PDB file of all heavy atoms in Angstrom:
ATOM      1  N   ARG A   1      88.996  98.924 124.512  1.00  0.00           N
ATOM      2  CA  ARG A   1      88.822 100.378 124.436  1.00  0.00           C
ATOM      3  C   ARG A   1      88.587 101.002 125.809  1.00  0.00           C
ATOM      4  O   ARG A   1      87.845 101.970 125.958  1.00  0.00           O
ATOM      5  CB  ARG A   1      87.707 100.741 123.461  1.00  0.00           C
ATOM      6  CG  ARG A   1      88.035 100.361 122.027  1.00  0.00           C
ATOM      7  CD  ARG A   1      86.811 100.478 121.143  1.00  0.00           C
ATOM      8  NE  ARG A   1      87.014  99.999 119.803  1.00  0.00           N
ATOM      9  CZ  ARG A   1      86.984  98.706 119.448  1.00  0.00           C
ATOM     10  NH1 ARG A   1      86.797  97.783 120.347  1.00  0.00           N
ATOM     11  NH2 ARG A   1      87.149  98.335 118.196  1.00  0.00           N
ATOM     12  N   GLU A   2      89.221 100.403 126.834  1.00  0.00           N
ATOM     13  CA  GLU A   2      89.085 100.919 128.190  1.00  0.00           C
ATOM     14  C   GLU A   2      90.146 101.967 128.496  1.00  0.00           C
ATOM     15  O   GLU A   2      89.919 102.855 129.309  1.00  0.00           O
ATOM     16  CB  GLU A   2      89.183  99.778 129.206  1.00  0.00           C
ATOM     17  CG  GLU A   2      88.010  98.829 129.115  1.00  0.00           C
ATOM     18  CD  GLU A   2      88.148  97.639 130.044  1.00  0.00           C
ATOM     19  OE1 GLU A   2      89.185  97.506 130.706  1.00  0.00           O
ATOM     20  OE2 GLU A   2      87.200  96.845 130.100  1.00  0.00           O
ATOM     21  N   ILE A   3      91.307 101.817 127.855  1.00  0.00           N
ATOM     22  CA  ILE A   3      92.370 102.794 128.027  1.00  0.00           C
ATOM     23  C   ILE A   3      92.948 103.114 126.653  1.00  0.00           C
ATOM     24  O   ILE A   3      92.872 102.306 125.739  1.00  0.00           O
ATOM     25  CB  ILE A   3      93.493 102.289 128.964  1.00  0.00           C
ATOM     26  CG1 ILE A   3      94.145 101.027 128.385  1.00  0.00           C
ATOM     27  CG2 ILE A   3      92.969 102.032 130.358  1.00  0.00           C
ATOM     28  CD1 ILE A   3      95.397 100.602 129.119  1.00  0.00           C
ATOM     29  N   GLU A   4      93.483 104.297 126.517  1.00  0.00           N
ATOM     30  CA  GLU A   4      94.104 104.662 125.253  1.00  0.00           C
ATOM     31  C   GLU A   4      95.607 104.736 125.471  1.00  0.00           C
ATOM     32  O   GLU A   4      96.083 105.477 126.319  1.00  0.00           O
ATOM     33  CB  GLU A   4      93.561 105.995 124.748  1.00  0.00           C
ATOM     34  CG  GLU A   4      94.004 106.283 123.341  1.00  0.00           C
ATOM     35  CD  GLU A   4      93.205 107.387 122.700  1.00  0.00           C
ATOM     36  OE1 GLU A   4      91.983 107.421 122.911  1.00  0.00           O
ATOM     37  OE2 GLU A   4      93.816 108.216 122.010  1.00  0.00           O
ATOM     38  N   THR A   5      96.336 103.934 124.721  1.00  0.00           N
ATOM     39  CA  THR A   5      97.786 103.904 124.821  1.00  0.00           C
ATOM     40  C   THR A   5      98.384 104.157 123.443  1.00  0.00           C
ATOM     41  O   THR A   5      97.694 104.057 122.425  1.00  0.00           O
ATOM     42  CB  THR A   5      98.272 102.533 125.326  1.00  0.00           C
ATOM     43  OG1 THR A   5      97.913 101.537 124.354  1.00  0.00           O
ATOM     44  CG2 THR A   5      97.656 102.178 126.672  1.00  0.00           C
ATOM     45  N   ASP A   6      99.673 104.460 123.434  1.00  0.00           N
ATOM     46  CA  ASP A   6     100.360 104.620 122.150  1.00  0.00           C
ATOM     47  C   ASP A   6     100.317 103.322 121.362  1.00  0.00           C
ATOM     48  O   ASP A   6     100.131 103.327 120.150  1.00  0.00           O
ATOM     49  CB  ASP A   6     101.806 105.059 122.371  1.00  0.00           C
ATOM     50  CG  ASP A   6     101.902 106.499 122.847  1.00  0.00           C
ATOM     51  OD1 ASP A   6     100.935 107.265 122.636  1.00  0.00           O
ATOM     52  OD2 ASP A   6     102.949 106.857 123.428  1.00  0.00           O
ATOM     53  N   MET A   7     100.475 102.187 122.063  1.00  0.00           N
ATOM     54  CA  MET A   7     100.418 100.891 121.386  1.00  0.00           C
ATOM     55  C   MET A   7      99.016 100.656 120.828  1.00  0.00           C
ATOM     56  O   MET A   7      98.862 100.149 119.718  1.00  0.00           O
ATOM     57  CB  MET A   7     100.808  99.761 122.343  1.00  0.00           C
ATOM     58  CG  MET A   7     100.871  98.398 121.676  1.00  0.00           C
ATOM     59  SD  MET A   7     102.070  98.286 120.331  1.00  0.00           S
ATOM     60  CE  MET A   7     103.564  98.084 121.232  1.00  0.00           C
ATOM     61  N   GLY A   8      97.991 101.035 121.569  1.00  0.00           N
ATOM     62  CA  GLY A   8      96.617 100.908 121.085  1.00  0.00           C
ATOM     63  C   GLY A   8      96.382 101.737 119.840  1.00  0.00           C
ATOM     64  O   GLY A   8      95.727 101.294 118.890  1.00  0.00           O
ATOM     65  N   LYS A   9      96.923 102.950 119.829  1.00  0.00           N
ATOM     66  CA  LYS A   9      96.800 103.815 118.652  1.00  0.00           C
ATOM     67  C   LYS A   9      97.502 103.180 117.455  1.00  0.00           C
ATOM     68  O   LYS A   9      96.987 103.205 116.337  1.00  0.00           O
ATOM     69  CB  LYS A   9      97.390 105.192 118.931  1.00  0.00           C
ATOM     70  CG  LYS A   9      96.575 106.031 119.896  1.00  0.00           C
ATOM     71  CD  LYS A   9      97.281 107.345 120.167  1.00  0.00           C
ATOM     72  CE  LYS A   9      96.600 108.104 121.285  1.00  0.00           C
ATOM     73  NZ  LYS A   9      97.337 109.317 121.649  1.00  0.00           N
ATOM     74  N   LEU A  10      98.690 102.606 117.713  1.00  0.00           N
ATOM     75  CA  LEU A  10      99.437 101.957 116.643  1.00  0.00           C
ATOM     76  C   LEU A  10      98.653 100.770 116.091  1.00  0.00           C
ATOM     77  O   LEU A  10      98.535 100.601 114.875  1.00  0.00           O
ATOM     78  CB  LEU A  10     100.807 101.498 117.143  1.00  0.00           C
ATOM     79  CG  LEU A  10     101.664 100.746 116.137  1.00  0.00           C
ATOM     80  CD1 LEU A  10     101.999 101.629 114.947  1.00  0.00           C
ATOM     81  CD2 LEU A  10     102.933 100.242 116.812  1.00  0.00           C
ATOM     82  N   PHE A  11      98.091  99.946 116.972  1.00  0.00           N
ATOM     83  CA  PHE A  11      97.288  98.805 116.525  1.00  0.00           C
ATOM     84  C   PHE A  11      96.078  99.266 115.713  1.00  0.00           C
ATOM     85  O   PHE A  11      95.702  98.630 114.733  1.00  0.00           O
ATOM     86  CB  PHE A  11      96.835  97.937 117.702  1.00  0.00           C
ATOM     87  CG  PHE A  11      97.866  96.953 118.154  1.00  0.00           C
ATOM     88  CD1 PHE A  11      98.344  96.985 119.450  1.00  0.00           C
ATOM     89  CD2 PHE A  11      98.358  95.982 117.298  1.00  0.00           C
ATOM     90  CE1 PHE A  11      99.294  96.076 119.877  1.00  0.00           C
ATOM     91  CE2 PHE A  11      99.306  95.065 117.705  1.00  0.00           C
ATOM     92  CZ  PHE A  11      99.786  95.109 119.001  1.00  0.00           C
ATOM     93  N   SER A  12      95.465 100.359 116.121  1.00  0.00           N
ATOM     94  CA  SER A  12      94.321 100.890 115.369  1.00  0.00           C
ATOM     95  C   SER A  12      94.745 101.321 113.970  1.00  0.00           C
ATOM     96  O   SER A  12      94.046 101.043 112.996  1.00  0.00           O
ATOM     97  CB  SER A  12      93.695 102.074 116.108  1.00  0.00           C
ATOM     98  OG  SER A  12      93.110 101.639 117.312  1.00  0.00           O
ATOM     99  N   GLU A  13      95.892 101.968 113.868  1.00  0.00           N
ATOM    100  CA  GLU A  13      96.397 102.389 112.558  1.00  0.00           C
ATOM    101  C   GLU A  13      96.726 101.178 111.687  1.00  0.00           C
ATOM    102  O   GLU A  13      96.447 101.173 110.486  1.00  0.00           O
ATOM    103  CB  GLU A  13      97.629 103.269 112.723  1.00  0.00           C
ATOM    104  CG  GLU A  13      97.321 104.630 113.309  1.00  0.00           C
ATOM    105  CD  GLU A  13      98.573 105.441 113.613  1.00  0.00           C
ATOM    106  OE1 GLU A  13      99.669 105.064 113.153  1.00  0.00           O
ATOM    107  OE2 GLU A  13      98.453 106.445 114.324  1.00  0.00           O
ATOM    108  N   VAL A  14      97.328 100.153 112.301  1.00  0.00           N
ATOM    109  CA  VAL A  14      97.652  98.933 111.560  1.00  0.00           C
ATOM    110  C   VAL A  14      96.367  98.289 111.055  1.00  0.00           C
ATOM    111  O   VAL A  14      96.278  97.864 109.902  1.00  0.00           O
ATOM    112  CB  VAL A  14      98.467  97.953 112.427  1.00  0.00           C
ATOM    113  CG1 VAL A  14      98.555  96.585 111.786  1.00  0.00           C
ATOM    114  CG2 VAL A  14      99.847  98.507 112.709  1.00  0.00           C
ATOM    115  N   LYS A  15      95.352  98.208 111.905  1.00  0.00           N
ATOM    116  CA  LYS A  15      94.077  97.595 111.512  1.00  0.00           C
ATOM    117  C   LYS A  15      93.437  98.393 110.382  1.00  0.00           C
ATOM    118  O   LYS A  15      92.932  97.814 109.425  1.00  0.00           O
ATOM    119  CB  LYS A  15      93.134  97.514 112.720  1.00  0.00           C
ATOM    120  CG  LYS A  15      91.771  96.931 112.424  1.00  0.00           C
ATOM    121  CD  LYS A  15      91.774  95.622 111.667  1.00  0.00           C
ATOM    122  CE  LYS A  15      92.414  94.501 112.371  1.00  0.00           C
ATOM    123  NZ  LYS A  15      92.513  93.283 111.526  1.00  0.00           N
ATOM    124  N   GLU A  16      93.459  99.710 110.462  1.00  0.00           N
ATOM    125  CA  GLU A  16      92.905 100.539 109.396  1.00  0.00           C
ATOM    126  C   GLU A  16      93.624 100.286 108.075  1.00  0.00           C
ATOM    127  O   GLU A  16      92.986 100.166 107.027  1.00  0.00           O
ATOM    128  CB  GLU A  16      92.994 102.015 109.770  1.00  0.00           C
ATOM    129  CG  GLU A  16      92.018 102.433 110.853  1.00  0.00           C
ATOM    130  CD  GLU A  16      92.249 103.854 111.336  1.00  0.00           C
ATOM    131  OE1 GLU A  16      92.865 104.661 110.589  1.00  0.00           O
ATOM    132  OE2 GLU A  16      91.834 104.166 112.458  1.00  0.00           O
ATOM    133  N   SER A  17      94.940 100.183 108.127  1.00  0.00           N
ATOM    134  CA  SER A  17      95.687  99.941 106.888  1.00  0.00           C
ATOM    135  C   SER A  17      95.432  98.535 106.369  1.00  0.00           C
ATOM    136  O   SER A  17      95.383  98.315 105.153  1.00  0.00           O
ATOM    137  CB  SER A  17      97.183 100.175 107.097  1.00  0.00           C
ATOM    138  OG  SER A  17      97.733  99.208 107.947  1.00  0.00           O
ATOM    139  N   GLU A  18      95.238  97.584 107.266  1.00  0.00           N
ATOM    140  CA  GLU A  18      94.931  96.213 106.838  1.00  0.00           C
ATOM    141  C   GLU A  18      93.593  96.159 106.108  1.00  0.00           C
ATOM    142  O   GLU A  18      93.444  95.454 105.112  1.00  0.00           O
ATOM    143  CB  GLU A  18      94.901  95.269 108.038  1.00  0.00           C
ATOM    144  CG  GLU A  18      94.614  93.833 107.671  1.00  0.00           C
ATOM    145  CD  GLU A  18      94.493  92.932 108.883  1.00  0.00           C
ATOM    146  OE1 GLU A  18      95.224  93.122 109.866  1.00  0.00           O
ATOM    147  OE2 GLU A  18      93.634  92.025 108.848  1.00  0.00           O
ATOM    148  N   LEU A  19      92.624  96.911 106.588  1.00  0.00           N
ATOM    149  CA  LEU A  19      91.292  96.894 105.987  1.00  0.00           C
ATOM    150  C   LEU A  19      91.280  97.433 104.557  1.00  0.00           C
ATOM    151  O   LEU A  19      90.428  97.045 103.764  1.00  0.00           O
ATOM    152  CB  LEU A  19      90.309  97.681 106.859  1.00  0.00           C
ATOM    153  CG  LEU A  19      89.998  97.069 108.222  1.00  0.00           C
ATOM    154  CD1 LEU A  19      89.149  98.028 109.057  1.00  0.00           C
ATOM    155  CD2 LEU A  19      89.306  95.722 108.083  1.00  0.00           C
ATOM    156  N   ILE A  20      92.221  98.311 104.222  1.00  0.00           N
ATOM    157  CA  ILE A  20      92.256  98.868 102.871  1.00  0.00           C
ATOM    158  C   ILE A  20      93.379  98.279 102.024  1.00  0.00           C
ATOM    159  O   ILE A  20      93.540  98.660 100.868  1.00  0.00           O
ATOM    160  CB  ILE A  20      92.368 100.414 102.907  1.00  0.00           C
ATOM    161  CG1 ILE A  20      93.650 100.857 103.593  1.00  0.00           C
ATOM    162  CG2 ILE A  20      91.136 101.021 103.554  1.00  0.00           C
ATOM    163  CD1 ILE A  20      93.946 102.339 103.486  1.00  0.00           C
ATOM    164  N   SER A  21      94.129  97.350 102.595  1.00  0.00           N
ATOM    165  CA  SER A  21      95.254  96.766 101.863  1.00  0.00           C
ATOM    166  C   SER A  21      94.780  95.697 100.878  1.00  0.00           C
ATOM    167  O   SER A  21      93.639  95.239 100.927  1.00  0.00           O
ATOM    168  CB  SER A  21      96.275  96.167 102.829  1.00  0.00           C
ATOM    169  OG  SER A  21      95.758  94.985 103.400  1.00  0.00           O
ATOM    170  N   TYR A  22      95.676  95.293 100.020  1.00  0.00           N
ATOM    171  CA  TYR A  22      95.384  94.254  99.032  1.00  0.00           C
ATOM    172  C   TYR A  22      95.284  92.882  99.689  1.00  0.00           C
ATOM    173  O   TYR A  22      94.621  91.995  99.189  1.00  0.00           O
ATOM    174  CB  TYR A  22      96.474  94.266  97.960  1.00  0.00           C
ATOM    175  CG  TYR A  22      96.170  93.381  96.785  1.00  0.00           C
ATOM    176  CD1 TYR A  22      95.206  93.738  95.844  1.00  0.00           C
ATOM    177  CD2 TYR A  22      96.836  92.176  96.624  1.00  0.00           C
ATOM    178  CE1 TYR A  22      94.923  92.920  94.768  1.00  0.00           C
ATOM    179  CE2 TYR A  22      96.561  91.350  95.540  1.00  0.00           C
ATOM    180  CZ  TYR A  22      95.604  91.729  94.619  1.00  0.00           C
ATOM    181  OH  TYR A  22      95.328  90.912  93.560  1.00  0.00           O
ATOM    182  N   GLY A  23      95.925  92.698 100.819  1.00  0.00           N
ATOM    183  CA  GLY A  23      95.902  91.430 101.538  1.00  0.00           C
ATOM    184  C   GLY A  23      96.962  91.410 102.622  1.00  0.00           C
ATOM    185  O   GLY A  23      97.628  92.414 102.860  1.00  0.00           O
ATOM    186  N   VAL A  24      97.094  90.268 103.288  1.00  0.00           N
ATOM    187  CA  VAL A  24      98.069  90.135 104.368  1.00  0.00           C
ATOM    188  C   VAL A  24      98.970  88.936 104.119  1.00  0.00           C
ATOM    189  O   VAL A  24      98.585  87.969 103.458  1.00  0.00           O
ATOM    190  CB  VAL A  24      97.394  89.993 105.753  1.00  0.00           C
ATOM    191  CG1 VAL A  24      96.607  91.233 106.114  1.00  0.00           C
ATOM    192  CG2 VAL A  24      96.508  88.768 105.814  1.00  0.00           C
ATOM    193  N   ILE A  25     100.161  89.008 104.667  1.00  0.00           N
ATOM    194  CA  ILE A  25     101.102  87.892 104.647  1.00  0.00           C
ATOM    195  C   ILE A  25     101.057  87.258 106.022  1.00  0.00           C
ATOM    196  O   ILE A  25     101.136  87.946 107.043  1.00  0.00           O
ATOM    197  CB  ILE A  25     102.522  88.382 104.304  1.00  0.00           C
ATOM    198  CG1 ILE A  25     102.534  88.953 102.889  1.00  0.00           C
ATOM    199  CG2 ILE A  25     103.525  87.256 104.458  1.00  0.00           C
ATOM    200  CD1 ILE A  25     103.825  89.611 102.494  1.00  0.00           C
ATOM    201  N   VAL A  26     100.904  85.934 106.061  1.00  0.00           N
ATOM    202  CA  VAL A  26     100.730  85.212 107.316  1.00  0.00           C
ATOM    203  C   VAL A  26     101.926  84.290 107.541  1.00  0.00           C
ATOM    204  O   VAL A  26     102.277  83.504 106.661  1.00  0.00           O
ATOM    205  CB  VAL A  26      99.423  84.388 107.294  1.00  0.00           C
ATOM    206  CG1 VAL A  26      99.211  83.679 108.612  1.00  0.00           C
ATOM    207  CG2 VAL A  26      98.240  85.291 106.974  1.00  0.00           C
ATOM    208  N   ASN A  27     102.526  84.389 108.707  1.00  0.00           N
ATOM    209  CA  ASN A  27     103.660  83.541 109.045  1.00  0.00           C
ATOM    210  C   ASN A  27     103.154  82.209 109.594  1.00  0.00           C
ATOM    211  O   ASN A  27     103.300  81.879 110.757  1.00  0.00           O
ATOM    212  CB  ASN A  27     104.577  84.224 110.062  1.00  0.00           C
ATOM    213  CG  ASN A  27     105.833  83.430 110.315  1.00  0.00           C
ATOM    214  OD1 ASN A  27     106.174  82.519 109.573  1.00  0.00           O
ATOM    215  ND2 ASN A  27     106.527  83.768 111.378  1.00  0.00           N
ATOM    216  N   SER A  28     102.486  81.458 108.738  1.00  0.00           N
ATOM    217  CA  SER A  28     101.961  80.141 109.067  1.00  0.00           C
ATOM    218  C   SER A  28     101.807  79.404 107.753  1.00  0.00           C
ATOM    219  O   SER A  28     102.132  79.940 106.702  1.00  0.00           O
ATOM    220  CB  SER A  28     100.617  80.264 109.790  1.00  0.00           C
ATOM    221  OG  SER A  28     100.164  78.999 110.208  1.00  0.00           O
ATOM    222  N   PHE A  29     101.318  78.181 107.815  1.00  0.00           N
ATOM    223  CA  PHE A  29     101.048  77.481 106.574  1.00  0.00           C
ATOM    224  C   PHE A  29      99.646  76.911 106.613  1.00  0.00           C
ATOM    225  O   PHE A  29      99.113  76.589 107.663  1.00  0.00           O
ATOM    226  CB  PHE A  29     102.098  76.395 106.271  1.00  0.00           C
ATOM    227  CG  PHE A  29     102.292  75.378 107.356  1.00  0.00           C
ATOM    228  CD1 PHE A  29     101.662  74.152 107.307  1.00  0.00           C
ATOM    229  CD2 PHE A  29     103.135  75.647 108.421  1.00  0.00           C
ATOM    230  CE1 PHE A  29     101.848  73.207 108.289  1.00  0.00           C
ATOM    231  CE2 PHE A  29     103.333  74.704 109.408  1.00  0.00           C
ATOM    232  CZ  PHE A  29     102.691  73.480 109.351  1.00  0.00           C
ATOM    233  N   TYR A  30      99.033  76.866 105.465  1.00  0.00           N
ATOM    234  CA  TYR A  30      97.624  76.522 105.331  1.00  0.00           C
ATOM    235  C   TYR A  30      97.284  75.208 106.022  1.00  0.00           C
ATOM    236  O   TYR A  30      96.270  75.103 106.718  1.00  0.00           O
ATOM    237  CB  TYR A  30      97.252  76.463 103.847  1.00  0.00           C
ATOM    238  CG  TYR A  30      95.810  76.083 103.611  1.00  0.00           C
ATOM    239  CD1 TYR A  30      94.816  77.047 103.667  1.00  0.00           C
ATOM    240  CD2 TYR A  30      95.443  74.766 103.359  1.00  0.00           C
ATOM    241  CE1 TYR A  30      93.487  76.711 103.471  1.00  0.00           C
ATOM    242  CE2 TYR A  30      94.123  74.417 103.168  1.00  0.00           C
ATOM    243  CZ  TYR A  30      93.144  75.390 103.229  1.00  0.00           C
ATOM    244  OH  TYR A  30      91.830  75.043 103.041  1.00  0.00           O
ATOM    245  N   GLU A  31      98.123  74.181 105.859  1.00  0.00           N
ATOM    246  CA  GLU A  31      97.816  72.860 106.404  1.00  0.00           C
ATOM    247  C   GLU A  31      97.756  72.836 107.928  1.00  0.00           C
ATOM    248  O   GLU A  31      97.122  71.974 108.508  1.00  0.00           O
ATOM    249  CB  GLU A  31      98.852  71.826 105.921  1.00  0.00           C
ATOM    250  CG  GLU A  31      98.790  71.554 104.435  1.00  0.00           C
ATOM    251  CD  GLU A  31      99.525  72.588 103.586  1.00  0.00           C
ATOM    252  OE1 GLU A  31     100.101  73.554 104.150  1.00  0.00           O
ATOM    253  OE2 GLU A  31      99.519  72.453 102.356  1.00  0.00           O
ATOM    254  N   LEU A  32      98.388  73.786 108.581  1.00  0.00           N
ATOM    255  CA  LEU A  32      98.368  73.835 110.039  1.00  0.00           C
ATOM    256  C   LEU A  32      97.019  74.305 110.565  1.00  0.00           C
ATOM    257  O   LEU A  32      96.537  73.803 111.567  1.00  0.00           O
ATOM    258  CB  LEU A  32      99.478  74.759 110.557  1.00  0.00           C
ATOM    259  CG  LEU A  32      99.590  74.907 112.070  1.00  0.00           C
ATOM    260  CD1 LEU A  32      99.911  73.571 112.724  1.00  0.00           C
ATOM    261  CD2 LEU A  32     100.665  75.938 112.416  1.00  0.00           C
ATOM    262  N   GLU A  33      96.401  75.246 109.894  1.00  0.00           N
ATOM    263  CA  GLU A  33      95.135  75.808 110.358  1.00  0.00           C
ATOM    264  C   GLU A  33      94.212  76.149 109.197  1.00  0.00           C
ATOM    265  O   GLU A  33      93.836  77.302 109.006  1.00  0.00           O
ATOM    266  CB  GLU A  33      95.383  77.015 111.263  1.00  0.00           C
ATOM    267  CG  GLU A  33      96.474  77.943 110.789  1.00  0.00           C
ATOM    268  CD  GLU A  33      97.013  78.840 111.888  1.00  0.00           C
ATOM    269  OE1 GLU A  33      96.511  78.821 113.019  1.00  0.00           O
ATOM    270  OE2 GLU A  33      97.953  79.576 111.594  1.00  0.00           O
ATOM    271  N   PRO A  34      93.813  75.126 108.416  1.00  0.00           N
ATOM    272  CA  PRO A  34      93.009  75.397 107.220  1.00  0.00           C
ATOM    273  C   PRO A  34      91.651  76.021 107.520  1.00  0.00           C
ATOM    274  O   PRO A  34      91.189  76.872 106.758  1.00  0.00           O
ATOM    275  CB  PRO A  34      92.856  74.027 106.560  1.00  0.00           C
ATOM    276  CG  PRO A  34      93.075  73.039 107.656  1.00  0.00           C
ATOM    277  CD  PRO A  34      94.066  73.699 108.582  1.00  0.00           C
ATOM    278  N   GLU A  35      91.002  75.617 108.610  1.00  0.00           N
ATOM    279  CA  GLU A  35      89.676  76.180 108.913  1.00  0.00           C
ATOM    280  C   GLU A  35      89.762  77.691 109.128  1.00  0.00           C
ATOM    281  O   GLU A  35      88.894  78.442 108.707  1.00  0.00           O
ATOM    282  CB  GLU A  35      89.054  75.526 110.153  1.00  0.00           C
ATOM    283  CG  GLU A  35      88.793  74.050 110.012  1.00  0.00           C
ATOM    284  CD  GLU A  35      89.943  73.183 110.522  1.00  0.00           C
ATOM    285  OE1 GLU A  35      91.017  73.722 110.832  1.00  0.00           O
ATOM    286  OE2 GLU A  35      89.760  71.965 110.603  1.00  0.00           O
ATOM    287  N   TYR A  36      90.819  78.121 109.816  1.00  0.00           N
ATOM    288  CA  TYR A  36      90.945  79.547 110.101  1.00  0.00           C
ATOM    289  C   TYR A  36      91.432  80.324 108.874  1.00  0.00           C
ATOM    290  O   TYR A  36      91.049  81.473 108.679  1.00  0.00           O
ATOM    291  CB  TYR A  36      91.846  79.774 111.320  1.00  0.00           C
ATOM    292  CG  TYR A  36      91.138  79.307 112.558  1.00  0.00           C
ATOM    293  CD1 TYR A  36      91.307  78.016 113.038  1.00  0.00           C
ATOM    294  CD2 TYR A  36      90.236  80.136 113.212  1.00  0.00           C
ATOM    295  CE1 TYR A  36      90.612  77.563 114.149  1.00  0.00           C
ATOM    296  CE2 TYR A  36      89.534  79.696 114.325  1.00  0.00           C
ATOM    297  CZ  TYR A  36      89.726  78.414 114.784  1.00  0.00           C
ATOM    298  OH  TYR A  36      89.032  77.974 115.870  1.00  0.00           O
ATOM    299  N   SER A  37      92.242  79.693 108.051  1.00  0.00           N
ATOM    300  CA  SER A  37      92.656  80.325 106.795  1.00  0.00           C
ATOM    301  C   SER A  37      91.440  80.564 105.914  1.00  0.00           C
ATOM    302  O   SER A  37      91.255  81.657 105.367  1.00  0.00           O
ATOM    303  CB  SER A  37      93.659  79.437 106.062  1.00  0.00           C
ATOM    304  OG  SER A  37      94.821  79.277 106.826  1.00  0.00           O
ATOM    305  N   ASN A  38      90.600  79.540 105.780  1.00  0.00           N
ATOM    306  CA  ASN A  38      89.380  79.672 104.982  1.00  0.00           C
ATOM    307  C   ASN A  38      88.429  80.693 105.601  1.00  0.00           C
ATOM    308  O   ASN A  38      87.807  81.484 104.890  1.00  0.00           O
ATOM    309  CB  ASN A  38      88.677  78.323 104.841  1.00  0.00           C
ATOM    310  CG  ASN A  38      89.484  77.350 104.014  1.00  0.00           C
ATOM    311  OD1 ASN A  38      90.299  77.737 103.185  1.00  0.00           O
ATOM    312  ND2 ASN A  38      89.283  76.067 104.249  1.00  0.00           N
ATOM    313  N   HIS A  39      88.299  80.665 106.906  1.00  0.00           N
ATOM    314  CA  HIS A  39      87.427  81.597 107.611  1.00  0.00           C
ATOM    315  C   HIS A  39      87.860  83.036 107.320  1.00  0.00           C
ATOM    316  O   HIS A  39      87.020  83.894 107.004  1.00  0.00           O
ATOM    317  CB  HIS A  39      87.478  81.317 109.115  1.00  0.00           C
ATOM    318  CG  HIS A  39      86.629  82.229 109.937  1.00  0.00           C
ATOM    319  ND1 HIS A  39      85.279  82.051 110.088  1.00  0.00           N
ATOM    320  CD2 HIS A  39      86.932  83.339 110.637  1.00  0.00           C
ATOM    321  CE1 HIS A  39      84.790  83.003 110.856  1.00  0.00           C
ATOM    322  NE2 HIS A  39      85.774  83.803 111.202  1.00  0.00           N
ATOM    323  N   TYR A  40      89.133  83.297 107.409  1.00  0.00           N
ATOM    324  CA  TYR A  40      89.640  84.650 107.181  1.00  0.00           C
ATOM    325  C   TYR A  40      89.300  85.146 105.785  1.00  0.00           C
ATOM    326  O   TYR A  40      88.822  86.266 105.610  1.00  0.00           O
ATOM    327  CB  TYR A  40      91.155  84.696 107.419  1.00  0.00           C
ATOM    328  CG  TYR A  40      91.731  86.081 107.312  1.00  0.00           C
ATOM    329  CD1 TYR A  40      91.649  86.966 108.383  1.00  0.00           C
ATOM    330  CD2 TYR A  40      92.340  86.520 106.149  1.00  0.00           C
ATOM    331  CE1 TYR A  40      92.156  88.249 108.293  1.00  0.00           C
ATOM    332  CE2 TYR A  40      92.850  87.802 106.048  1.00  0.00           C
ATOM    333  CZ  TYR A  40      92.760  88.655 107.124  1.00  0.00           C
ATOM    334  OH  TYR A  40      93.250  89.931 107.027  1.00  0.00           O
ATOM    335  N   THR A  41      89.530  84.295 104.792  1.00  0.00           N
ATOM    336  CA  THR A  41      89.285  84.747 103.424  1.00  0.00           C
ATOM    337  C   THR A  41      87.807  84.775 103.063  1.00  0.00           C
ATOM    338  O   THR A  41      87.354  85.696 102.388  1.00  0.00           O
ATOM    339  CB  THR A  41      90.059  83.884 102.406  1.00  0.00           C
ATOM    340  OG1 THR A  41      89.705  82.528 102.583  1.00  0.00           O
ATOM    341  CG2 THR A  41      91.553  84.050 102.577  1.00  0.00           C
ATOM    342  N   LYS A  42      87.044  83.792 103.526  1.00  0.00           N
ATOM    343  CA  LYS A  42      85.627  83.725 103.146  1.00  0.00           C
ATOM    344  C   LYS A  42      84.749  84.651 103.984  1.00  0.00           C
ATOM    345  O   LYS A  42      83.909  85.372 103.446  1.00  0.00           O
ATOM    346  CB  LYS A  42      85.121  82.287 103.257  1.00  0.00           C
ATOM    347  CG  LYS A  42      85.721  81.383 102.196  1.00  0.00           C
ATOM    348  CD  LYS A  42      85.239  79.967 102.334  1.00  0.00           C
ATOM    349  CE  LYS A  42      85.896  79.097 101.266  1.00  0.00           C
ATOM    350  NZ  LYS A  42      85.637  77.685 101.470  1.00  0.00           N
ATOM    351  N   VAL A  43      84.926  84.633 105.294  1.00  0.00           N
ATOM    352  CA  VAL A  43      84.051  85.424 106.165  1.00  0.00           C
ATOM    353  C   VAL A  43      84.429  86.898 106.148  1.00  0.00           C
ATOM    354  O   VAL A  43      83.567  87.765 106.058  1.00  0.00           O
ATOM    355  CB  VAL A  43      84.076  84.870 107.608  1.00  0.00           C
ATOM    356  CG1 VAL A  43      83.305  85.764 108.561  1.00  0.00           C
ATOM    357  CG2 VAL A  43      83.513  83.456 107.633  1.00  0.00           C
ATOM    358  N   PHE A  44      85.733  87.189 106.202  1.00  0.00           N
ATOM    359  CA  PHE A  44      86.158  88.583 106.223  1.00  0.00           C
ATOM    360  C   PHE A  44      86.412  89.132 104.824  1.00  0.00           C
ATOM    361  O   PHE A  44      86.602  90.325 104.648  1.00  0.00           O
ATOM    362  CB  PHE A  44      87.401  88.758 107.094  1.00  0.00           C
ATOM    363  CG  PHE A  44      87.165  88.393 108.537  1.00  0.00           C
ATOM    364  CD1 PHE A  44      88.016  87.512 109.176  1.00  0.00           C
ATOM    365  CD2 PHE A  44      86.100  88.915 109.247  1.00  0.00           C
ATOM    366  CE1 PHE A  44      87.807  87.171 110.492  1.00  0.00           C
ATOM    367  CE2 PHE A  44      85.882  88.575 110.569  1.00  0.00           C
ATOM    368  CZ  PHE A  44      86.734  87.698 111.195  1.00  0.00           C
TER     369      PHE A  44
END
């Protein structure tokens, strides 16, 4: 948050929509990073 750019604004809008969405689609597979998959669903 040191500079405000159009890309920063876009990322903020994407993050806001992610927070109210039903979920996200991840271009990965669970077995590659199970700890982080679990972390995302359980912690967040």
